[in-house]
Amino acid sequence: MSRFEHEREVRFARLVREADLAWALAEATKPHLNTVERSHVYVAIGVGETFAAIKYLIALAAGKRIALPAELVQLCQRWLDVHIGQEDERYLRRHIEQVLIPYALRSKPEQD
């Protein structure tokens, strides 16, 4: 496999994971979104603008104080680690650390 083919596969794999995160965020926030917000998100994801959709959903979830599952918030943090140094990275990290983490839904411990 050539270097070009390998790089293309890595980029494709990252995009697929990014799309999975975008859809997971869309599903988790869906009950809190109005029709226009949902349409905006679905269209963005559908046309491949997954970064924009994730950015929008993180900001929206923080602004509306939506409690997301802790695992999903952790995925957002890991996704953002790939984007260190990008223009929106600090803005999104602030939303995650200052709002989404404190509001994250914790799994209830199982009872015997």
C-alpha atoms as a PDB file:
ATOM      1  CA  MET A   1       0.000   0.000   0.000  1.00  0.00           C
ATOM      2  CA  SER A   2       1.381   3.374  -0.941  1.00  0.00           C
ATOM      3  CA  ARG A   3       1.746   6.211   1.532  1.00  0.00           C
ATOM      4  CA  PHE A   4      -0.997   8.147  -0.290  1.00  0.00           C
ATOM      5  CA  GLU A   5      -3.420   5.214  -0.013  1.00  0.00           C
ATOM      6  CA  HIS A   6      -2.619   4.787   3.673  1.00  0.00           C
ATOM      7  CA  GLU A   7      -3.192   8.492   4.404  1.00  0.00           C
ATOM      8  CA  ARG A   8      -6.472   8.381   2.490  1.00  0.00           C
ATOM      9  CA  GLU A   9      -7.637   5.382   4.542  1.00  0.00           C
ATOM     10  CA  VAL A  10      -6.682   7.097   7.811  1.00  0.00           C
ATOM     11  CA  ARG A  11      -8.605  10.238   6.802  1.00  0.00           C
ATOM     12  CA  PHE A  12     -11.604   8.161   5.779  1.00  0.00           C
ATOM     13  CA  ALA A  13     -11.570   6.240   9.081  1.00  0.00           C
ATOM     14  CA  ARG A  14     -11.426   9.517  11.012  1.00  0.00           C
ATOM     15  CA  LEU A  15     -14.356  10.904   9.020  1.00  0.00           C
ATOM     16  CA  VAL A  16     -16.406   7.790   9.690  1.00  0.00           C
ATOM     17  CA  ARG A  17     -15.759   8.055  13.436  1.00  0.00           C
ATOM     18  CA  GLU A  18     -16.509  11.778  13.297  1.00  0.00           C
ATOM     19  CA  ALA A  19     -19.825  11.026  11.569  1.00  0.00           C
ATOM     20  CA  ASP A  20     -20.623   8.436  14.253  1.00  0.00           C
ATOM     21  CA  LEU A  21     -19.981  11.052  16.946  1.00  0.00           C
ATOM     22  CA  ALA A  22     -22.111  13.613  15.114  1.00  0.00           C
ATOM     23  CA  TRP A  23     -25.026  11.160  14.855  1.00  0.00           C
ATOM     24  CA  ALA A  24     -24.633  10.126  18.523  1.00  0.00           C
ATOM     25  CA  LEU A  25     -24.742  13.771  19.610  1.00  0.00           C
ATOM     26  CA  ALA A  26     -27.740  14.406  17.344  1.00  0.00           C
ATOM     27  CA  GLU A  27     -29.586  11.462  18.876  1.00  0.00           C
ATOM     28  CA  ALA A  28     -28.730  12.460  22.462  1.00  0.00           C
ATOM     29  CA  THR A  29     -29.821  16.073  21.962  1.00  0.00           C
ATOM     30  CA  LYS A  30     -32.838  15.333  19.761  1.00  0.00           C
ATOM     31  CA  PRO A  31     -35.475  15.668  22.518  1.00  0.00           C
ATOM     32  CA  HIS A  32     -34.158  19.178  23.263  1.00  0.00           C
ATOM     33  CA  LEU A  33     -33.972  20.445  19.676  1.00  0.00           C
ATOM     34  CA  ASN A  34     -36.708  22.175  17.757  1.00  0.00           C
ATOM     35  CA  THR A  35     -37.483  21.291  14.144  1.00  0.00           C
ATOM     36  CA  VAL A  36     -35.179  23.952  12.683  1.00  0.00           C
ATOM     37  CA  GLU A  37     -32.256  22.909  14.898  1.00  0.00           C
ATOM     38  CA  ARG A  38     -32.742  19.222  14.042  1.00  0.00           C
ATOM     39  CA  SER A  39     -32.941  19.993  10.324  1.00  0.00           C
ATOM     40  CA  HIS A  40     -29.774  22.093  10.509  1.00  0.00           C
ATOM     41  CA  VAL A  41     -27.900  19.241  12.199  1.00  0.00           C
ATOM     42  CA  TYR A  42     -29.191  16.469   9.927  1.00  0.00           C
ATOM     43  CA  VAL A  43     -28.415  18.409   6.764  1.00  0.00           C
ATOM     44  CA  ALA A  44     -24.909  19.275   7.991  1.00  0.00           C
ATOM     45  CA  ILE A  45     -24.161  15.635   8.806  1.00  0.00           C
ATOM     46  CA  GLY A  46     -25.769  14.438   5.577  1.00  0.00           C
ATOM     47  CA  VAL A  47     -23.580  16.657   3.398  1.00  0.00           C
ATOM     48  CA  GLY A  48     -20.420  15.645   5.271  1.00  0.00           C
ATOM     49  CA  GLU A  49     -20.028  18.764   7.422  1.00  0.00           C
ATOM     50  CA  THR A  50     -19.527  16.668  10.527  1.00  0.00           C
ATOM     51  CA  PHE A  51     -17.120  19.080  12.236  1.00  0.00           C
ATOM     52  CA  ALA A  52     -19.660  21.896  11.871  1.00  0.00           C
ATOM     53  CA  ALA A  53     -22.468  19.652  13.159  1.00  0.00           C
ATOM     54  CA  ILE A  54     -20.452  18.536  16.191  1.00  0.00           C
ATOM     55  CA  LYS A  55     -19.399  22.120  16.940  1.00  0.00           C
ATOM     56  CA  TYR A  56     -23.028  23.259  16.707  1.00  0.00           C
ATOM     57  CA  LEU A  57     -24.288  20.410  18.913  1.00  0.00           C
ATOM     58  CA  ILE A  58     -21.626  20.914  21.596  1.00  0.00           C
ATOM     59  CA  ALA A  59     -22.385  24.653  21.743  1.00  0.00           C
ATOM     60  CA  LEU A  60     -26.122  23.993  21.723  1.00  0.00           C
ATOM     61  CA  ALA A  61     -25.930  21.324  24.439  1.00  0.00           C
ATOM     62  CA  ALA A  62     -23.807  23.636  26.589  1.00  0.00           C
ATOM     63  CA  GLY A  63     -26.107  26.596  25.994  1.00  0.00           C
ATOM     64  CA  LYS A  64     -29.233  24.610  26.833  1.00  0.00           C
ATOM     65  CA  ARG A  65     -27.484  22.766  29.684  1.00  0.00           C
ATOM     66  CA  ILE A  66     -28.395  19.402  28.187  1.00  0.00           C
ATOM     67  CA  ALA A  67     -27.167  16.512  30.312  1.00  0.00           C
ATOM     68  CA  LEU A  68     -25.418  14.108  27.952  1.00  0.00           C
ATOM     69  CA  PRO A  69     -24.204  10.619  28.866  1.00  0.00           C
ATOM     70  CA  ALA A  70     -20.724  10.776  30.426  1.00  0.00           C
ATOM     71  CA  GLU A  71     -19.380   8.357  27.781  1.00  0.00           C
ATOM     72  CA  LEU A  72     -20.536  10.681  25.006  1.00  0.00           C
ATOM     73  CA  VAL A  73     -18.885  13.670  26.676  1.00  0.00           C
ATOM     74  CA  GLN A  74     -15.656  11.640  26.903  1.00  0.00           C
ATOM     75  CA  LEU A  75     -15.894  10.865  23.184  1.00  0.00           C
ATOM     76  CA  CYS A  76     -16.263  14.586  22.508  1.00  0.00           C
ATOM     77  CA  GLN A  77     -13.097  15.244  24.518  1.00  0.00           C
ATOM     78  CA  ARG A  78     -11.148  12.574  22.633  1.00  0.00           C
ATOM     79  CA  TRP A  79     -12.452  13.880  19.303  1.00  0.00           C
ATOM     80  CA  LEU A  80     -11.385  17.390  20.258  1.00  0.00           C
ATOM     81  CA  ASP A  81      -7.882  16.142  21.141  1.00  0.00           C
ATOM     82  CA  VAL A  82      -7.426  15.425  17.421  1.00  0.00           C
ATOM     83  CA  HIS A  83      -8.238  19.069  16.654  1.00  0.00           C
ATOM     84  CA  ILE A  84      -5.757  20.737  19.044  1.00  0.00           C
ATOM     85  CA  GLY A  85      -4.651  24.062  17.642  1.00  0.00           C
ATOM     86  CA  GLN A  86      -7.653  24.554  15.373  1.00  0.00           C
ATOM     87  CA  GLU A  87      -9.467  27.861  15.598  1.00  0.00           C
ATOM     88  CA  ASP A  88     -12.512  26.488  17.468  1.00  0.00           C
ATOM     89  CA  GLU A  89     -10.677  24.054  19.728  1.00  0.00           C
ATOM     90  CA  ARG A  90     -10.443  26.252  22.848  1.00  0.00           C
ATOM     91  CA  TYR A  91     -14.034  27.450  22.439  1.00  0.00           C
ATOM     92  CA  LEU A  92     -15.329  23.871  22.248  1.00  0.00           C
ATOM     93  CA  ARG A  93     -13.058  22.638  25.036  1.00  0.00           C
ATOM     94  CA  ARG A  94     -14.426  25.361  27.340  1.00  0.00           C
ATOM     95  CA  HIS A  95     -17.978  24.202  26.629  1.00  0.00           C
ATOM     96  CA  ILE A  96     -17.050  20.594  27.306  1.00  0.00           C
ATOM     97  CA  GLU A  97     -15.070  21.218  30.492  1.00  0.00           C
ATOM     98  CA  GLN A  98     -17.172  23.963  32.045  1.00  0.00           C
ATOM     99  CA  VAL A  99     -20.681  22.829  31.122  1.00  0.00           C
ATOM    100  CA  LEU A 100     -20.967  19.359  29.591  1.00  0.00           C
ATOM    101  CA  ILE A 101     -18.761  17.525  32.099  1.00  0.00           C
ATOM    102  CA  PRO A 102     -20.533  18.963  35.176  1.00  0.00           C
ATOM    103  CA  TYR A 103     -23.938  18.244  33.600  1.00  0.00           C
ATOM    104  CA  ALA A 104     -23.028  14.778  32.296  1.00  0.00           C
ATOM    105  CA  LEU A 105     -25.374  11.951  33.194  1.00  0.00           C
ATOM    106  CA  ARG A 106     -23.605   9.452  35.351  1.00  0.00           C
ATOM    107  CA  SER A 107     -24.499   5.797  35.138  1.00  0.00           C
ATOM    108  CA  LYS A 108     -26.397   4.650  38.177  1.00  0.00           C
ATOM    109  CA  PRO A 109     -24.600   1.952  40.146  1.00  0.00           C
ATOM    110  CA  GLU A 110     -26.215  -1.429  39.861  1.00  0.00           C
ATOM    111  CA  GLN A 111     -28.075  -2.624  42.936  1.00  0.00           C
ATOM    112  CA  ASP A 112     -27.691  -6.149  44.215  1.00  0.00           C
END
